[in-house]
Amino acid sequence: MTSHRLGELTTEQAAAAVRDSPVVLLPAGAFEQHGPGLPMATDLIRAERVAELVAAKLGGRAVIGPSLPVGVSPHHLAFAGTISLSTTTFATLVREYSDSLYRHGWRKILVITGHGGNNAALGTVAQDYLATHPDLEFAWTPLTALAGQVVAEMGVSEVHGHSGEAETAQMLHLAPELVRTSHLRPGTTTLDELSPLARLSRKDGHPKLALRYDRLSPNGVLGDPRRATAQAGESIVDTVVNRIVGYLDDWLAT
């Protein structure tokens, strides 16, 4: 097998990959607004590139399966271009991808999601598989959250996150040609800019409250993407890739 991508293999090569590449990586993203400077497919682009880097480091022990390009994004629907799946539809797609891979012999599946809105649905899929497929090891991981210390060292805004410093930095490193640098604009950067309800929704260590992004930021951005650099993005991506590879090394040894 010369390719890390399942879609580039023949059916005979795929049969061999079940033995030689026992982990399948499924990149998951979203099709949603990312402010005035980043493309709709930002989350998918980051997930796919990280999957490629991870697969390359694993030296053939993992294969990249088909992507999940649209995610759970109802919180962004007030902004033009956003397309969203329901949690039920997204979870069904993940299960049907995984069920097909399981049918052919794979027992280790890792979803690499660039979109935080997919997390809850992925958690339900993982729980359901404990009952329906007890021999399937189904895992999932976010991206930026794996590099929290690197992000903190960037000096991000008090309010940061979607389309802000960290996400823009990753895109400047991974796909700079898709970043409209002249159009990057700050969004909400301080808690004082938020309504009392929106401020409550941003609190850590408290009950979770979901709000639409048009109630958090006029332009859909949290943070100041103008402060992002490709160098910071490289540090974030390298940290994320190394943490995933380290996890997979341990997983493959079990």
C-alpha atoms as a PDB file:
ATOM      1  CA  MET A   1       0.000   0.000   0.000  1.00  0.00           C
ATOM      2  CA  THR A   2       1.511   3.339  -1.044  1.00  0.00           C
ATOM      3  CA  SER A   3      -1.356   5.703  -0.112  1.00  0.00           C
ATOM      4  CA  HIS A   4      -2.637   6.699   3.307  1.00  0.00           C
ATOM      5  CA  ARG A   5      -6.085   7.344   1.796  1.00  0.00           C
ATOM      6  CA  LEU A   6      -8.646   4.570   1.684  1.00  0.00           C
ATOM      7  CA  GLY A   7     -10.334   6.208  -1.285  1.00  0.00           C
ATOM      8  CA  GLU A   8      -7.196   5.814  -3.401  1.00  0.00           C
ATOM      9  CA  LEU A   9      -6.898   2.055  -2.792  1.00  0.00           C
ATOM     10  CA  THR A  10      -8.377  -0.776  -4.797  1.00  0.00           C
ATOM     11  CA  THR A  11     -10.694  -3.200  -3.040  1.00  0.00           C
ATOM     12  CA  GLU A  12      -7.859  -5.748  -2.844  1.00  0.00           C
ATOM     13  CA  GLN A  13      -5.556  -3.174  -1.277  1.00  0.00           C
ATOM     14  CA  ALA A  14      -8.317  -2.194   1.151  1.00  0.00           C
ATOM     15  CA  ALA A  15      -8.627  -5.812   2.274  1.00  0.00           C
ATOM     16  CA  ALA A  16      -4.901  -5.866   3.004  1.00  0.00           C
ATOM     17  CA  ALA A  17      -5.108  -2.503   4.781  1.00  0.00           C
ATOM     18  CA  VAL A  18      -7.441  -3.972   7.408  1.00  0.00           C
ATOM     19  CA  ARG A  19      -4.420  -5.949   8.627  1.00  0.00           C
ATOM     20  CA  ASP A  20      -1.606  -3.507   7.843  1.00  0.00           C
ATOM     21  CA  SER A  21      -3.398  -0.248   8.788  1.00  0.00           C
ATOM     22  CA  PRO A  22      -5.672  -1.188  11.680  1.00  0.00           C
ATOM     23  CA  VAL A  23      -6.705   2.400  12.533  1.00  0.00           C
ATOM     24  CA  VAL A  24      -9.059   4.405  10.319  1.00  0.00           C
ATOM     25  CA  LEU A  25      -8.974   8.195  10.630  1.00  0.00           C
ATOM     26  CA  LEU A  26     -12.216   9.992   9.732  1.00  0.00           C
ATOM     27  CA  PRO A  27     -11.799  13.776   9.291  1.00  0.00           C
ATOM     28  CA  ALA A  28     -14.934  15.685  10.313  1.00  0.00           C
ATOM     29  CA  GLY A  29     -15.560  19.356   9.737  1.00  0.00           C
ATOM     30  CA  ALA A  30     -18.336  21.841   9.189  1.00  0.00           C
ATOM     31  CA  PHE A  31     -19.718  24.121   6.490  1.00  0.00           C
ATOM     32  CA  GLU A  32     -20.234  27.361   8.366  1.00  0.00           C
ATOM     33  CA  GLN A  33     -19.330  31.009   8.607  1.00  0.00           C
ATOM     34  CA  HIS A  34     -15.858  31.826   9.834  1.00  0.00           C
ATOM     35  CA  GLY A  35     -16.108  35.586   9.848  1.00  0.00           C
ATOM     36  CA  PRO A  36     -15.041  37.852   6.979  1.00  0.00           C
ATOM     37  CA  GLY A  37     -11.556  36.372   6.561  1.00  0.00           C
ATOM     38  CA  LEU A  38     -11.767  32.568   6.675  1.00  0.00           C
ATOM     39  CA  PRO A  39     -13.553  30.100   4.347  1.00  0.00           C
ATOM     40  CA  MET A  40     -16.688  28.114   5.174  1.00  0.00           C
ATOM     41  CA  ALA A  41     -14.725  24.849   5.078  1.00  0.00           C
ATOM     42  CA  THR A  42     -12.123  25.949   7.642  1.00  0.00           C
ATOM     43  CA  ASP A  43     -12.924  23.139  10.089  1.00  0.00           C
ATOM     44  CA  LEU A  44     -12.785  20.431   7.429  1.00  0.00           C
ATOM     45  CA  ILE A  45      -9.547  21.778   5.956  1.00  0.00           C
ATOM     46  CA  ARG A  46      -7.856  21.682   9.352  1.00  0.00           C
ATOM     47  CA  ALA A  47      -9.171  18.189  10.155  1.00  0.00           C
ATOM     48  CA  GLU A  48      -8.093  16.757   6.795  1.00  0.00           C
ATOM     49  CA  ARG A  49      -4.608  18.281   6.973  1.00  0.00           C
ATOM     50  CA  VAL A  50      -4.085  17.036  10.526  1.00  0.00           C
ATOM     51  CA  ALA A  51      -5.254  13.555   9.472  1.00  0.00           C
ATOM     52  CA  GLU A  52      -2.698  13.595   6.633  1.00  0.00           C
ATOM     53  CA  LEU A  53       0.115  14.620   8.974  1.00  0.00           C
ATOM     54  CA  VAL A  54      -0.873  12.005  11.543  1.00  0.00           C
ATOM     55  CA  ALA A  55      -1.091   9.236   8.943  1.00  0.00           C
ATOM     56  CA  ALA A  56       2.305  10.171   7.534  1.00  0.00           C
ATOM     57  CA  LYS A  57       3.936   9.980  10.967  1.00  0.00           C
ATOM     58  CA  LEU A  58       2.376   6.579  11.622  1.00  0.00           C
ATOM     59  CA  GLY A  59       4.167   5.065   8.646  1.00  0.00           C
ATOM     60  CA  GLY A  60       1.306   3.098   7.144  1.00  0.00           C
ATOM     61  CA  ARG A  61      -0.323   1.958  10.392  1.00  0.00           C
ATOM     62  CA  ALA A  62      -3.377   4.172   9.786  1.00  0.00           C
ATOM     63  CA  VAL A  63      -5.512   4.889   6.749  1.00  0.00           C
ATOM     64  CA  ILE A  64      -7.648   7.971   6.137  1.00  0.00           C
ATOM     65  CA  GLY A  65     -11.285   7.185   5.429  1.00  0.00           C
ATOM     66  CA  PRO A  66     -13.912   9.427   3.816  1.00  0.00           C
ATOM     67  CA  SER A  67     -14.423  12.889   5.264  1.00  0.00           C
ATOM     68  CA  LEU A  68     -17.557  14.207   6.945  1.00  0.00           C
ATOM     69  CA  PRO A  69     -17.621  17.685   5.380  1.00  0.00           C
ATOM     70  CA  VAL A  70     -20.805  19.080   6.974  1.00  0.00           C
ATOM     71  CA  GLY A  71     -21.327  19.132  10.720  1.00  0.00           C
ATOM     72  CA  VAL A  72     -23.666  20.294  13.465  1.00  0.00           C
ATOM     73  CA  SER A  73     -23.819  24.097  13.080  1.00  0.00           C
ATOM     74  CA  PRO A  74     -27.271  25.458  14.012  1.00  0.00           C
ATOM     75  CA  HIS A  75     -25.568  28.119  16.144  1.00  0.00           C
ATOM     76  CA  HIS A  76     -24.133  29.697  12.973  1.00  0.00           C
ATOM     77  CA  LEU A  77     -27.234  29.643  10.763  1.00  0.00           C
ATOM     78  CA  ALA A  78     -27.848  33.390  11.112  1.00  0.00           C
ATOM     79  CA  PHE A  79     -24.767  33.916   8.907  1.00  0.00           C
ATOM     80  CA  ALA A  80     -24.937  33.464   5.129  1.00  0.00           C
ATOM     81  CA  GLY A  81     -23.579  30.280   3.613  1.00  0.00           C
ATOM     82  CA  THR A  82     -23.807  28.123   6.712  1.00  0.00           C
ATOM     83  CA  ILE A  83     -25.209  24.620   6.201  1.00  0.00           C
ATOM     84  CA  SER A  84     -26.036  22.485   9.228  1.00  0.00           C
ATOM     85  CA  LEU A  85     -26.944  18.883   9.969  1.00  0.00           C
ATOM     86  CA  SER A  86     -29.041  17.926  12.949  1.00  0.00           C
ATOM     87  CA  THR A  87     -27.263  15.999  15.685  1.00  0.00           C
ATOM     88  CA  THR A  88     -29.296  12.945  14.676  1.00  0.00           C
ATOM     89  CA  THR A  89     -28.292  13.148  11.005  1.00  0.00           C
ATOM     90  CA  PHE A  90     -24.619  13.734  11.784  1.00  0.00           C
ATOM     91  CA  ALA A  91     -24.544  10.850  14.265  1.00  0.00           C
ATOM     92  CA  THR A  92     -26.243   8.612  11.708  1.00  0.00           C
ATOM     93  CA  LEU A  93     -23.605   9.430   9.090  1.00  0.00           C
ATOM     94  CA  VAL A  94     -20.797   8.693  11.533  1.00  0.00           C
ATOM     95  CA  ARG A  95     -22.413   5.386  12.496  1.00  0.00           C
ATOM     96  CA  GLU A  96     -23.016   4.316   8.903  1.00  0.00           C
ATOM     97  CA  TYR A  97     -19.429   5.144   7.910  1.00  0.00           C
ATOM     98  CA  SER A  98     -18.192   3.239  10.937  1.00  0.00           C
ATOM     99  CA  ASP A  99     -20.572   0.306  10.484  1.00  0.00           C
ATOM    100  CA  SER A 100     -19.281  -0.176   6.933  1.00  0.00           C
ATOM    101  CA  LEU A 101     -15.673  -0.090   8.084  1.00  0.00           C
ATOM    102  CA  TYR A 102     -16.521  -2.503  10.888  1.00  0.00           C
ATOM    103  CA  ARG A 103     -18.145  -4.886   8.397  1.00  0.00           C
ATOM    104  CA  HIS A 104     -14.842  -5.114   6.530  1.00  0.00           C
ATOM    105  CA  GLY A 105     -12.809  -5.820   9.640  1.00  0.00           C
ATOM    106  CA  TRP A 106     -11.612  -2.526  11.110  1.00  0.00           C
ATOM    107  CA  ARG A 107     -11.940  -2.328  14.886  1.00  0.00           C
ATOM    108  CA  LYS A 108     -10.207   0.976  15.655  1.00  0.00           C
ATOM    109  CA  ILE A 109     -11.770   4.206  14.362  1.00  0.00           C
ATOM    110  CA  LEU A 110     -10.707   7.737  15.263  1.00  0.00           C
ATOM    111  CA  VAL A 111     -12.795  10.729  14.212  1.00  0.00           C
ATOM    112  CA  ILE A 112     -10.646  13.871  13.982  1.00  0.00           C
ATOM    113  CA  THR A 113     -13.075  16.775  14.243  1.00  0.00           C
ATOM    114  CA  GLY A 114     -12.180  20.362  13.471  1.00  0.00           C
ATOM    115  CA  HIS A 115     -15.582  21.560  14.677  1.00  0.00           C
ATOM    116  CA  GLY A 116     -16.574  21.712  18.334  1.00  0.00           C
ATOM    117  CA  GLY A 117     -20.257  21.535  17.457  1.00  0.00           C
ATOM    118  CA  ASN A 118     -19.765  17.883  16.486  1.00  0.00           C
ATOM    119  CA  ASN A 119     -18.504  16.859  19.916  1.00  0.00           C
ATOM    120  CA  ALA A 120     -21.811  16.084  21.589  1.00  0.00           C
ATOM    121  CA  ALA A 121     -23.016  13.872  18.732  1.00  0.00           C
ATOM    122  CA  LEU A 122     -19.707  12.003  18.629  1.00  0.00           C
ATOM    123  CA  GLY A 123     -20.034  11.331  22.336  1.00  0.00           C
ATOM    124  CA  THR A 124     -23.448   9.732  21.832  1.00  0.00           C
ATOM    125  CA  VAL A 125     -22.114   7.539  19.015  1.00  0.00           C
ATOM    126  CA  ALA A 126     -19.284   6.352  21.262  1.00  0.00           C
ATOM    127  CA  GLN A 127     -21.721   5.506  24.060  1.00  0.00           C
ATOM    128  CA  ASP A 128     -24.106   3.658  21.738  1.00  0.00           C
ATOM    129  CA  TYR A 129     -21.280   1.520  20.344  1.00  0.00           C
ATOM    130  CA  LEU A 130     -20.466   0.254  23.836  1.00  0.00           C
ATOM    131  CA  ALA A 131     -23.786  -1.584  23.696  1.00  0.00           C
ATOM    132  CA  THR A 132     -24.115  -2.440  19.997  1.00  0.00           C
ATOM    133  CA  HIS A 133     -20.479  -3.114  18.979  1.00  0.00           C
ATOM    134  CA  PRO A 134     -18.533  -3.985  22.143  1.00  0.00           C
ATOM    135  CA  ASP A 135     -15.473  -5.057  20.140  1.00  0.00           C
ATOM    136  CA  LEU A 136     -15.298  -1.767  18.203  1.00  0.00           C
ATOM    137  CA  GLU A 137     -12.926   0.801  19.679  1.00  0.00           C
ATOM    138  CA  PHE A 138     -14.418   4.140  18.619  1.00  0.00           C
ATOM    139  CA  ALA A 139     -12.580   7.319  19.593  1.00  0.00           C
ATOM    140  CA  TRP A 140     -12.771  10.965  18.642  1.00  0.00           C
ATOM    141  CA  THR A 141     -10.633  14.030  19.196  1.00  0.00           C
ATOM    142  CA  PRO A 142     -10.893  17.791  18.786  1.00  0.00           C
ATOM    143  CA  LEU A 143      -7.967  19.822  17.449  1.00  0.00           C
ATOM    144  CA  THR A 144      -7.267  23.169  19.113  1.00  0.00           C
ATOM    145  CA  ALA A 145      -8.188  21.896  22.575  1.00  0.00           C
ATOM    146  CA  LEU A 146      -5.172  19.568  22.434  1.00  0.00           C
ATOM    147  CA  ALA A 147      -2.861  22.582  22.289  1.00  0.00           C
ATOM    148  CA  GLY A 148      -4.353  24.689  25.066  1.00  0.00           C
ATOM    149  CA  GLN A 149      -0.998  25.750  26.504  1.00  0.00           C
ATOM    150  CA  VAL A 150       0.267  26.884  23.099  1.00  0.00           C
ATOM    151  CA  VAL A 151      -2.899  28.912  22.565  1.00  0.00           C
ATOM    152  CA  ALA A 152      -2.583  30.527  25.996  1.00  0.00           C
ATOM    153  CA  GLU A 153       0.986  31.569  25.175  1.00  0.00           C
ATOM    154  CA  MET A 154      -0.271  33.401  22.076  1.00  0.00           C
ATOM    155  CA  GLY A 155      -1.754  36.113  24.267  1.00  0.00           C
ATOM    156  CA  VAL A 156      -5.300  35.610  23.006  1.00  0.00           C
ATOM    157  CA  SER A 157      -8.155  37.979  23.773  1.00  0.00           C
ATOM    158  CA  GLU A 158     -10.254  37.646  26.920  1.00  0.00           C
ATOM    159  CA  VAL A 159     -13.007  36.267  24.682  1.00  0.00           C
ATOM    160  CA  HIS A 160     -11.567  34.095  21.938  1.00  0.00           C
ATOM    161  CA  GLY A 161     -12.393  30.986  19.965  1.00  0.00           C
ATOM    162  CA  HIS A 162     -14.323  30.732  16.725  1.00  0.00           C
ATOM    163  CA  SER A 163     -12.409  32.366  13.842  1.00  0.00           C
ATOM    164  CA  GLY A 164     -10.154  34.060  16.367  1.00  0.00           C
ATOM    165  CA  GLU A 165      -6.421  34.028  16.983  1.00  0.00           C
ATOM    166  CA  ALA A 166      -5.862  30.262  17.250  1.00  0.00           C
ATOM    167  CA  GLU A 167      -8.066  29.124  14.383  1.00  0.00           C
ATOM    168  CA  THR A 168      -6.771  31.815  12.038  1.00  0.00           C
ATOM    169  CA  ALA A 169      -3.181  30.949  12.953  1.00  0.00           C
ATOM    170  CA  GLN A 170      -3.770  27.322  11.998  1.00  0.00           C
ATOM    171  CA  MET A 171      -5.168  28.345   8.635  1.00  0.00           C
ATOM    172  CA  LEU A 172      -2.248  30.707   8.014  1.00  0.00           C
ATOM    173  CA  HIS A 173       0.009  27.693   8.476  1.00  0.00           C
ATOM    174  CA  LEU A 174      -2.067  25.017   6.721  1.00  0.00           C
ATOM    175  CA  ALA A 175      -3.814  26.910   3.910  1.00  0.00           C
ATOM    176  CA  PRO A 176      -2.585  30.512   3.744  1.00  0.00           C
ATOM    177  CA  GLU A 177      -3.914  30.933   0.228  1.00  0.00           C
ATOM    178  CA  LEU A 178      -7.465  30.676   1.596  1.00  0.00           C
ATOM    179  CA  VAL A 179      -7.094  33.349   4.283  1.00  0.00           C
ATOM    180  CA  ARG A 180      -8.350  36.788   3.212  1.00  0.00           C
ATOM    181  CA  THR A 181      -5.860  38.638   5.390  1.00  0.00           C
ATOM    182  CA  SER A 182      -7.027  42.088   4.314  1.00  0.00           C
ATOM    183  CA  HIS A 183     -10.539  41.201   5.479  1.00  0.00           C
ATOM    184  CA  LEU A 184      -9.644  39.878   8.940  1.00  0.00           C
ATOM    185  CA  ARG A 185     -11.596  41.796  11.553  1.00  0.00           C
ATOM    186  CA  PRO A 186     -11.845  41.480  15.332  1.00  0.00           C
ATOM    187  CA  GLY A 187     -15.092  40.196  16.742  1.00  0.00           C
ATOM    188  CA  THR A 188     -16.074  40.107  20.382  1.00  0.00           C
ATOM    189  CA  THR A 189     -12.855  40.300  22.429  1.00  0.00           C
ATOM    190  CA  THR A 190     -13.979  41.157  25.991  1.00  0.00           C
ATOM    191  CA  LEU A 191     -16.681  39.898  28.331  1.00  0.00           C
ATOM    192  CA  ASP A 192     -17.955  43.457  28.744  1.00  0.00           C
ATOM    193  CA  GLU A 193     -19.100  43.407  25.111  1.00  0.00           C
ATOM    194  CA  LEU A 194     -21.483  40.525  25.816  1.00  0.00           C
ATOM    195  CA  SER A 195     -25.021  40.658  27.134  1.00  0.00           C
ATOM    196  CA  PRO A 196     -25.534  39.153  30.617  1.00  0.00           C
ATOM    197  CA  LEU A 197     -26.925  35.952  29.065  1.00  0.00           C
ATOM    198  CA  ALA A 198     -24.093  35.685  26.535  1.00  0.00           C
ATOM    199  CA  ARG A 199     -21.534  36.311  29.286  1.00  0.00           C
ATOM    200  CA  LEU A 200     -23.100  33.498  31.302  1.00  0.00           C
ATOM    201  CA  SER A 201     -22.808  31.131  28.331  1.00  0.00           C
ATOM    202  CA  ARG A 202     -19.037  31.737  28.161  1.00  0.00           C
ATOM    203  CA  LYS A 203     -18.353  30.798  31.794  1.00  0.00           C
ATOM    204  CA  ASP A 204     -16.168  27.769  32.433  1.00  0.00           C
ATOM    205  CA  GLY A 205     -16.891  25.308  35.203  1.00  0.00           C
ATOM    206  CA  HIS A 206     -20.608  25.991  35.142  1.00  0.00           C
ATOM    207  CA  PRO A 207     -23.718  24.539  33.487  1.00  0.00           C
ATOM    208  CA  LYS A 208     -23.575  24.730  29.703  1.00  0.00           C
ATOM    209  CA  LEU A 209     -25.834  27.115  27.824  1.00  0.00           C
ATOM    210  CA  ALA A 210     -25.987  27.021  24.022  1.00  0.00           C
ATOM    211  CA  LEU A 211     -26.503  30.326  22.212  1.00  0.00           C
ATOM    212  CA  ARG A 212     -26.562  31.342  18.577  1.00  0.00           C
ATOM    213  CA  TYR A 213     -23.387  33.080  17.448  1.00  0.00           C
ATOM    214  CA  ASP A 214     -25.227  36.176  16.279  1.00  0.00           C
ATOM    215  CA  ARG A 215     -25.933  36.745  19.986  1.00  0.00           C
ATOM    216  CA  LEU A 216     -22.221  36.473  20.768  1.00  0.00           C
ATOM    217  CA  SER A 217     -20.623  38.462  17.949  1.00  0.00           C
ATOM    218  CA  PRO A 218     -21.913  40.788  15.207  1.00  0.00           C
ATOM    219  CA  ASN A 219     -19.495  39.350  12.627  1.00  0.00           C
ATOM    220  CA  GLY A 220     -19.334  35.763  13.926  1.00  0.00           C
ATOM    221  CA  VAL A 221     -15.784  36.108  15.272  1.00  0.00           C
ATOM    222  CA  LEU A 222     -14.616  35.559  18.850  1.00  0.00           C
ATOM    223  CA  GLY A 223     -11.212  37.153  19.347  1.00  0.00           C
ATOM    224  CA  ASP A 224      -8.913  39.184  17.111  1.00  0.00           C
ATOM    225  CA  PRO A 225      -7.676  37.175  14.104  1.00  0.00           C
ATOM    226  CA  ARG A 226      -5.367  40.025  13.067  1.00  0.00           C
ATOM    227  CA  ARG A 227      -3.022  38.926  15.865  1.00  0.00           C
ATOM    228  CA  ALA A 228      -2.605  35.434  14.400  1.00  0.00           C
ATOM    229  CA  THR A 229       0.655  34.297  12.846  1.00  0.00           C
ATOM    230  CA  ALA A 230       1.607  31.296  10.752  1.00  0.00           C
ATOM    231  CA  GLN A 231       4.363  30.529  13.278  1.00  0.00           C
ATOM    232  CA  ALA A 232       1.821  30.213  16.094  1.00  0.00           C
ATOM    233  CA  GLY A 233      -0.336  28.084  13.817  1.00  0.00           C
ATOM    234  CA  GLU A 234       2.570  25.746  13.156  1.00  0.00           C
ATOM    235  CA  SER A 235       3.147  25.357  16.896  1.00  0.00           C
ATOM    236  CA  ILE A 236      -0.528  24.540  17.456  1.00  0.00           C
ATOM    237  CA  VAL A 237      -0.667  22.026  14.601  1.00  0.00           C
ATOM    238  CA  ASP A 238       2.597  20.349  15.597  1.00  0.00           C
ATOM    239  CA  THR A 239       1.358  19.953  19.164  1.00  0.00           C
ATOM    240  CA  VAL A 240      -1.983  18.549  18.034  1.00  0.00           C
ATOM    241  CA  VAL A 241      -0.385  16.085  15.603  1.00  0.00           C
ATOM    242  CA  ASN A 242       2.190  14.873  18.119  1.00  0.00           C
ATOM    243  CA  ARG A 243      -0.443  14.337  20.804  1.00  0.00           C
ATOM    244  CA  ILE A 244      -2.663  12.344  18.454  1.00  0.00           C
ATOM    245  CA  VAL A 245       0.281  10.288  17.184  1.00  0.00           C
ATOM    246  CA  GLY A 246       1.382   9.572  20.735  1.00  0.00           C
ATOM    247  CA  TYR A 247      -2.110   8.403  21.612  1.00  0.00           C
ATOM    248  CA  LEU A 248      -2.284   6.189  18.534  1.00  0.00           C
ATOM    249  CA  ASP A 249       1.113   4.652  19.263  1.00  0.00           C
ATOM    250  CA  ASP A 250      -0.229   3.590  22.661  1.00  0.00           C
ATOM    251  CA  TRP A 251      -3.559   2.499  21.186  1.00  0.00           C
ATOM    252  CA  LEU A 252      -1.912   0.317  18.549  1.00  0.00           C
ATOM    253  CA  ALA A 253       0.186  -1.334  21.227  1.00  0.00           C
ATOM    254  CA  THR A 254      -2.890  -2.539  23.131  1.00  0.00           C
END
